[in-house]
Amino acid sequence: MKLQYFGLLFFLILFCCSKEKISETTIKPKVILIQPFKDLSQRDLKEVVENIRKIYPEIRVLEPIDFPKNSYYAPRNRYRADSIIKYLNSKTANGFITLGLTSKDISVTKGKNPDFGIMGLGFKPGKACVASKFRLDKKNNEQFYKVAIHELGHTEGLNHCPIKTCFMRDAEGGNPTNEETDFCEKCKNYLKTKNWKFN
């Protein structure tokens, strides 16, 4: 009888401990890994990192790397965003999100266009995304941050937003970043559930 009692007690202790571990891992915030490619200037990197850190403090900046060889598209001197993301995704462990940053032109297949130039790409949801400065105003670095934060929003599960001032609006082939001022309340509330911090 005593043996059965101790066996039951041991099982309950194990069960409670495992439940505690599960709840700890589910609420633990993800770490955003900032992965610059070697073409990106330190100034551009620093400005994007500083702005993201204001609303998401769990950030690590990695050493710059070369593009994956299969991402280069020679006919247009561009890099394929989907290939970049697949590469970054393969290097990203669970509990992390990798944001690739570049000043080079990037592209993706869109509808009948096999090589459509874009500012950024992020799979929804996903573990990796990429943002490029190439198509942005070279004198306005805030635009680069807005593209980066938009792609991070997709990796966290956000769709495009119909509110024109929201960071999650659809660019629709243009560059509307000057009209964007912040995440809208709906997008903010969603990101708060993912441990993003807003004043």
C-alpha atoms as a PDB file:
ATOM      1  CA  MET A   1       0.000   0.000   0.000  1.00  0.00           C
ATOM      2  CA  LYS A   2       2.831   2.403   0.941  1.00  0.00           C
ATOM      3  CA  LEU A   3       4.569   1.579  -2.331  1.00  0.00           C
ATOM      4  CA  GLN A   4       1.447   2.491  -4.326  1.00  0.00           C
ATOM      5  CA  TYR A   5       1.101   5.736  -2.354  1.00  0.00           C
ATOM      6  CA  PHE A   6       4.700   6.768  -3.053  1.00  0.00           C
ATOM      7  CA  GLY A   7       4.307   5.801  -6.718  1.00  0.00           C
ATOM      8  CA  LEU A   8       1.233   8.040  -7.039  1.00  0.00           C
ATOM      9  CA  LEU A   9       3.007  10.876  -5.221  1.00  0.00           C
ATOM     10  CA  PHE A  10       6.040  10.567  -7.521  1.00  0.00           C
ATOM     11  CA  PHE A  11       3.767  10.655 -10.612  1.00  0.00           C
ATOM     12  CA  LEU A  12       1.972  13.795  -9.386  1.00  0.00           C
ATOM     13  CA  ILE A  13       5.288  15.584  -8.729  1.00  0.00           C
ATOM     14  CA  LEU A  14       6.535  14.692 -12.227  1.00  0.00           C
ATOM     15  CA  PHE A  15       3.248  15.804 -13.789  1.00  0.00           C
ATOM     16  CA  CYS A  16       3.295  19.174 -11.997  1.00  0.00           C
ATOM     17  CA  CYS A  17       6.943  19.800 -12.914  1.00  0.00           C
ATOM     18  CA  SER A  18       6.353  18.998 -16.578  1.00  0.00           C
ATOM     19  CA  LYS A  19       3.297  21.291 -16.658  1.00  0.00           C
ATOM     20  CA  GLU A  20       5.390  24.078 -15.169  1.00  0.00           C
ATOM     21  CA  LYS A  21       8.077  23.591 -17.828  1.00  0.00           C
ATOM     22  CA  ILE A  22       5.504  23.648 -20.637  1.00  0.00           C
ATOM     23  CA  SER A  23       3.928  26.876 -19.386  1.00  0.00           C
ATOM     24  CA  GLU A  24       7.377  28.481 -19.070  1.00  0.00           C
ATOM     25  CA  THR A  25       8.279  27.678 -22.695  1.00  0.00           C
ATOM     26  CA  THR A  26       4.964  28.861 -24.110  1.00  0.00           C
ATOM     27  CA  ILE A  27       5.218  32.317 -22.543  1.00  0.00           C
ATOM     28  CA  LYS A  28       8.934  32.768 -23.157  1.00  0.00           C
ATOM     29  CA  PRO A  29       9.456  35.541 -25.743  1.00  0.00           C
ATOM     30  CA  LYS A  30      11.199  34.728 -29.001  1.00  0.00           C
ATOM     31  CA  VAL A  31      14.600  36.244 -29.687  1.00  0.00           C
ATOM     32  CA  ILE A  32      14.945  38.283 -32.883  1.00  0.00           C
ATOM     33  CA  LEU A  33      18.261  37.622 -34.598  1.00  0.00           C
ATOM     34  CA  ILE A  34      19.356  40.501 -36.821  1.00  0.00           C
ATOM     35  CA  GLN A  35      21.399  39.022 -39.681  1.00  0.00           C
ATOM     36  CA  PRO A  36      23.125  41.676 -41.800  1.00  0.00           C
ATOM     37  CA  PHE A  37      24.582  40.711 -45.158  1.00  0.00           C
ATOM     38  CA  LYS A  38      28.093  41.963 -45.907  1.00  0.00           C
ATOM     39  CA  ASP A  39      26.924  44.756 -48.213  1.00  0.00           C
ATOM     40  CA  LEU A  40      25.046  46.589 -45.433  1.00  0.00           C
ATOM     41  CA  SER A  41      26.731  49.573 -43.753  1.00  0.00           C
ATOM     42  CA  GLN A  42      27.190  49.621 -39.983  1.00  0.00           C
ATOM     43  CA  ARG A  43      25.235  52.884 -39.840  1.00  0.00           C
ATOM     44  CA  ASP A  44      22.194  51.378 -41.553  1.00  0.00           C
ATOM     45  CA  LEU A  45      22.368  48.320 -39.319  1.00  0.00           C
ATOM     46  CA  LYS A  46      22.663  50.373 -36.138  1.00  0.00           C
ATOM     47  CA  GLU A  47      19.662  52.582 -36.943  1.00  0.00           C
ATOM     48  CA  VAL A  48      17.360  49.638 -37.689  1.00  0.00           C
ATOM     49  CA  VAL A  49      18.469  47.738 -34.581  1.00  0.00           C
ATOM     50  CA  GLU A  50      17.996  50.769 -32.298  1.00  0.00           C
ATOM     51  CA  ASN A  51      14.459  51.343 -33.568  1.00  0.00           C
ATOM     52  CA  ILE A  52      13.379  47.711 -33.294  1.00  0.00           C
ATOM     53  CA  ARG A  53      14.844  47.455 -29.803  1.00  0.00           C
ATOM     54  CA  LYS A  54      12.462  50.210 -28.621  1.00  0.00           C
ATOM     55  CA  ILE A  55       9.511  47.861 -29.039  1.00  0.00           C
ATOM     56  CA  TYR A  56      11.168  44.433 -28.874  1.00  0.00           C
ATOM     57  CA  PRO A  57      14.117  44.210 -26.463  1.00  0.00           C
ATOM     58  CA  GLU A  58      14.987  40.523 -27.059  1.00  0.00           C
ATOM     59  CA  ILE A  59      17.441  41.120 -29.923  1.00  0.00           C
ATOM     60  CA  ARG A  60      20.832  39.732 -30.911  1.00  0.00           C
ATOM     61  CA  VAL A  61      22.908  41.136 -33.757  1.00  0.00           C
ATOM     62  CA  LEU A  62      24.869  38.528 -35.716  1.00  0.00           C
ATOM     63  CA  GLU A  63      28.080  38.895 -37.683  1.00  0.00           C
ATOM     64  CA  PRO A  64      27.593  39.864 -41.365  1.00  0.00           C
ATOM     65  CA  ILE A  65      27.452  36.984 -43.856  1.00  0.00           C
ATOM     66  CA  ASP A  66      27.533  36.420 -47.632  1.00  0.00           C
ATOM     67  CA  PHE A  67      24.352  35.712 -49.543  1.00  0.00           C
ATOM     68  CA  PRO A  68      23.575  32.044 -50.150  1.00  0.00           C
ATOM     69  CA  LYS A  69      24.973  31.189 -53.596  1.00  0.00           C
ATOM     70  CA  ASN A  70      21.650  29.937 -54.960  1.00  0.00           C
ATOM     71  CA  SER A  71      19.955  33.287 -54.226  1.00  0.00           C
ATOM     72  CA  TYR A  72      21.784  35.310 -56.905  1.00  0.00           C
ATOM     73  CA  TYR A  73      19.749  36.033 -60.048  1.00  0.00           C
ATOM     74  CA  ALA A  74      22.363  37.036 -62.638  1.00  0.00           C
ATOM     75  CA  PRO A  75      20.029  38.273 -65.456  1.00  0.00           C
ATOM     76  CA  ARG A  76      18.856  41.172 -63.267  1.00  0.00           C
ATOM     77  CA  ASN A  77      21.770  41.404 -60.796  1.00  0.00           C
ATOM     78  CA  ARG A  78      19.359  40.699 -57.954  1.00  0.00           C
ATOM     79  CA  TYR A  79      18.976  38.293 -55.065  1.00  0.00           C
ATOM     80  CA  ARG A  80      15.963  36.025 -54.718  1.00  0.00           C
ATOM     81  CA  ALA A  81      14.165  36.855 -51.469  1.00  0.00           C
ATOM     82  CA  ASP A  82      12.503  33.428 -51.210  1.00  0.00           C
ATOM     83  CA  SER A  83      15.897  31.680 -51.458  1.00  0.00           C
ATOM     84  CA  ILE A  84      17.335  34.026 -48.816  1.00  0.00           C
ATOM     85  CA  ILE A  85      14.461  33.273 -46.445  1.00  0.00           C
ATOM     86  CA  LYS A  86      14.758  29.518 -46.970  1.00  0.00           C
ATOM     87  CA  TYR A  87      18.468  29.737 -46.143  1.00  0.00           C
ATOM     88  CA  LEU A  88      17.898  31.865 -43.027  1.00  0.00           C
ATOM     89  CA  ASN A  89      15.012  29.631 -41.962  1.00  0.00           C
ATOM     90  CA  SER A  90      17.266  26.556 -42.126  1.00  0.00           C
ATOM     91  CA  LYS A  91      19.695  28.272 -39.727  1.00  0.00           C
ATOM     92  CA  THR A  92      17.016  29.474 -37.279  1.00  0.00           C
ATOM     93  CA  ALA A  93      16.175  27.357 -34.251  1.00  0.00           C
ATOM     94  CA  ASN A  94      12.730  27.244 -32.655  1.00  0.00           C
ATOM     95  CA  GLY A  95      12.181  30.196 -30.358  1.00  0.00           C
ATOM     96  CA  PHE A  96      14.026  32.582 -32.684  1.00  0.00           C
ATOM     97  CA  ILE A  97      13.164  34.795 -35.662  1.00  0.00           C
ATOM     98  CA  THR A  98      15.891  35.855 -38.105  1.00  0.00           C
ATOM     99  CA  LEU A  99      15.633  39.195 -39.910  1.00  0.00           C
ATOM    100  CA  GLY A 100      18.013  39.491 -42.871  1.00  0.00           C
ATOM    101  CA  LEU A 101      19.058  43.037 -43.814  1.00  0.00           C
ATOM    102  CA  THR A 102      20.609  44.120 -47.112  1.00  0.00           C
ATOM    103  CA  SER A 103      21.140  47.125 -49.378  1.00  0.00           C
ATOM    104  CA  LYS A 104      21.021  44.920 -52.500  1.00  0.00           C
ATOM    105  CA  ASP A 105      18.016  44.557 -54.798  1.00  0.00           C
ATOM    106  CA  ILE A 106      15.796  41.565 -53.993  1.00  0.00           C
ATOM    107  CA  SER A 107      12.973  39.951 -55.931  1.00  0.00           C
ATOM    108  CA  VAL A 108      10.373  37.209 -55.908  1.00  0.00           C
ATOM    109  CA  THR A 109       7.999  35.514 -58.349  1.00  0.00           C
ATOM    110  CA  LYS A 110       4.654  37.336 -58.299  1.00  0.00           C
ATOM    111  CA  GLY A 111       1.802  36.102 -60.466  1.00  0.00           C
ATOM    112  CA  LYS A 112       3.028  35.956 -64.077  1.00  0.00           C
ATOM    113  CA  ASN A 113       6.110  38.047 -63.288  1.00  0.00           C
ATOM    114  CA  PRO A 114       8.994  35.636 -62.582  1.00  0.00           C
ATOM    115  CA  ASP A 115      11.231  38.342 -61.111  1.00  0.00           C
ATOM    116  CA  PHE A 116       9.320  41.097 -59.311  1.00  0.00           C
ATOM    117  CA  GLY A 117      11.452  43.602 -57.378  1.00  0.00           C
ATOM    118  CA  ILE A 118      10.408  44.057 -53.739  1.00  0.00           C
ATOM    119  CA  MET A 119      11.414  45.895 -50.553  1.00  0.00           C
ATOM    120  CA  GLY A 120      11.024  42.899 -48.270  1.00  0.00           C
ATOM    121  CA  LEU A 121       9.531  39.461 -47.792  1.00  0.00           C
ATOM    122  CA  GLY A 122       8.307  37.478 -44.819  1.00  0.00           C
ATOM    123  CA  PHE A 123       6.339  34.240 -44.678  1.00  0.00           C
ATOM    124  CA  LYS A 124       3.267  34.274 -42.418  1.00  0.00           C
ATOM    125  CA  PRO A 125       3.908  32.867 -39.918  1.00  0.00           C
ATOM    126  CA  GLY A 126       7.574  31.952 -40.163  1.00  0.00           C
ATOM    127  CA  LYS A 127      11.019  31.986 -38.600  1.00  0.00           C
ATOM    128  CA  ALA A 128      12.788  34.233 -41.119  1.00  0.00           C
ATOM    129  CA  CYS A 129      12.266  37.346 -43.229  1.00  0.00           C
ATOM    130  CA  VAL A 130      14.357  39.806 -45.234  1.00  0.00           C
ATOM    131  CA  ALA A 131      14.290  43.575 -45.807  1.00  0.00           C
ATOM    132  CA  SER A 132      16.175  45.528 -48.472  1.00  0.00           C
ATOM    133  CA  LYS A 133      17.122  49.201 -48.604  1.00  0.00           C
ATOM    134  CA  PHE A 134      17.620  49.206 -52.368  1.00  0.00           C
ATOM    135  CA  ARG A 135      14.200  50.612 -53.394  1.00  0.00           C
ATOM    136  CA  LEU A 136      13.923  53.113 -50.539  1.00  0.00           C
ATOM    137  CA  ASP A 137      14.779  56.787 -50.179  1.00  0.00           C
ATOM    138  CA  LYS A 138      18.525  56.765 -49.514  1.00  0.00           C
ATOM    139  CA  LYS A 139      18.220  59.917 -47.380  1.00  0.00           C
ATOM    140  CA  ASN A 140      15.461  58.518 -45.169  1.00  0.00           C
ATOM    141  CA  ASN A 141      16.654  55.560 -43.089  1.00  0.00           C
ATOM    142  CA  GLU A 142      13.358  55.424 -41.223  1.00  0.00           C
ATOM    143  CA  GLN A 143      11.868  53.777 -44.316  1.00  0.00           C
ATOM    144  CA  PHE A 144      14.261  50.844 -43.932  1.00  0.00           C
ATOM    145  CA  TYR A 145      13.147  50.319 -40.336  1.00  0.00           C
ATOM    146  CA  LYS A 146       9.480  50.390 -41.398  1.00  0.00           C
ATOM    147  CA  VAL A 147      10.053  47.695 -44.038  1.00  0.00           C
ATOM    148  CA  ALA A 148      11.959  45.571 -41.515  1.00  0.00           C
ATOM    149  CA  ILE A 149       9.245  45.878 -38.870  1.00  0.00           C
ATOM    150  CA  HIS A 150       6.571  45.082 -41.485  1.00  0.00           C
ATOM    151  CA  GLU A 151       8.289  41.815 -42.401  1.00  0.00           C
ATOM    152  CA  LEU A 152       8.750  40.894 -38.743  1.00  0.00           C
ATOM    153  CA  GLY A 153       5.007  41.459 -38.330  1.00  0.00           C
ATOM    154  CA  HIS A 154       4.339  38.863 -41.034  1.00  0.00           C
ATOM    155  CA  THR A 155       6.610  36.300 -39.383  1.00  0.00           C
ATOM    156  CA  GLU A 156       4.619  36.792 -36.177  1.00  0.00           C
ATOM    157  CA  GLY A 157       1.409  36.026 -38.081  1.00  0.00           C
ATOM    158  CA  LEU A 158       0.028  39.441 -39.108  1.00  0.00           C
ATOM    159  CA  ASN A 159      -1.749  39.961 -42.438  1.00  0.00           C
ATOM    160  CA  HIS A 160      -1.656  43.155 -44.466  1.00  0.00           C
ATOM    161  CA  CYS A 161      -3.689  45.882 -42.780  1.00  0.00           C
ATOM    162  CA  PRO A 162      -6.269  48.108 -44.550  1.00  0.00           C
ATOM    163  CA  ILE A 163      -5.324  51.129 -42.402  1.00  0.00           C
ATOM    164  CA  LYS A 164      -3.041  53.294 -44.532  1.00  0.00           C
ATOM    165  CA  THR A 165      -0.961  54.659 -41.635  1.00  0.00           C
ATOM    166  CA  CYS A 166      -0.216  51.186 -40.225  1.00  0.00           C
ATOM    167  CA  PHE A 167       3.197  49.565 -40.692  1.00  0.00           C
ATOM    168  CA  MET A 168       1.367  46.449 -41.944  1.00  0.00           C
ATOM    169  CA  ARG A 169      -0.311  48.084 -44.958  1.00  0.00           C
ATOM    170  CA  ASP A 170       0.245  46.464 -48.357  1.00  0.00           C
ATOM    171  CA  ALA A 171       2.830  48.371 -50.429  1.00  0.00           C
ATOM    172  CA  GLU A 172       0.959  47.327 -53.617  1.00  0.00           C
ATOM    173  CA  GLY A 173       4.112  47.667 -55.718  1.00  0.00           C
ATOM    174  CA  GLY A 174       4.998  51.156 -54.462  1.00  0.00           C
ATOM    175  CA  ASN A 175       6.708  52.713 -51.462  1.00  0.00           C
ATOM    176  CA  PRO A 176       4.082  54.088 -49.068  1.00  0.00           C
ATOM    177  CA  THR A 177       6.373  54.080 -46.009  1.00  0.00           C
ATOM    178  CA  ASN A 178       6.285  57.886 -45.560  1.00  0.00           C
ATOM    179  CA  GLU A 179       2.541  57.603 -44.871  1.00  0.00           C
ATOM    180  CA  GLU A 180       3.049  54.943 -42.208  1.00  0.00           C
ATOM    181  CA  THR A 181       3.306  56.214 -38.627  1.00  0.00           C
ATOM    182  CA  ASP A 182       2.907  53.155 -36.349  1.00  0.00           C
ATOM    183  CA  PHE A 183       1.142  49.826 -35.974  1.00  0.00           C
ATOM    184  CA  CYS A 184      -2.623  50.371 -35.713  1.00  0.00           C
ATOM    185  CA  GLU A 185      -4.299  49.396 -32.412  1.00  0.00           C
ATOM    186  CA  LYS A 186      -5.502  46.042 -33.763  1.00  0.00           C
ATOM    187  CA  CYS A 187      -2.014  45.050 -34.975  1.00  0.00           C
ATOM    188  CA  LYS A 188      -0.457  46.329 -31.730  1.00  0.00           C
ATOM    189  CA  ASN A 189      -2.836  44.293 -29.594  1.00  0.00           C
ATOM    190  CA  TYR A 190      -1.987  41.175 -31.585  1.00  0.00           C
ATOM    191  CA  LEU A 191       1.770  41.781 -31.251  1.00  0.00           C
ATOM    192  CA  LYS A 192       1.385  42.323 -27.500  1.00  0.00           C
ATOM    193  CA  THR A 193       0.294  38.678 -27.284  1.00  0.00           C
ATOM    194  CA  LYS A 194       3.708  37.863 -28.826  1.00  0.00           C
ATOM    195  CA  ASN A 195       5.587  39.832 -26.130  1.00  0.00           C
ATOM    196  CA  TRP A 196       6.067  43.031 -28.114  1.00  0.00           C
ATOM    197  CA  LYS A 197       6.225  46.114 -25.898  1.00  0.00           C
ATOM    198  CA  PHE A 198       4.423  49.360 -26.683  1.00  0.00           C
ATOM    199  CA  ASN A 199       4.023  52.491 -24.518  1.00  0.00           C
END
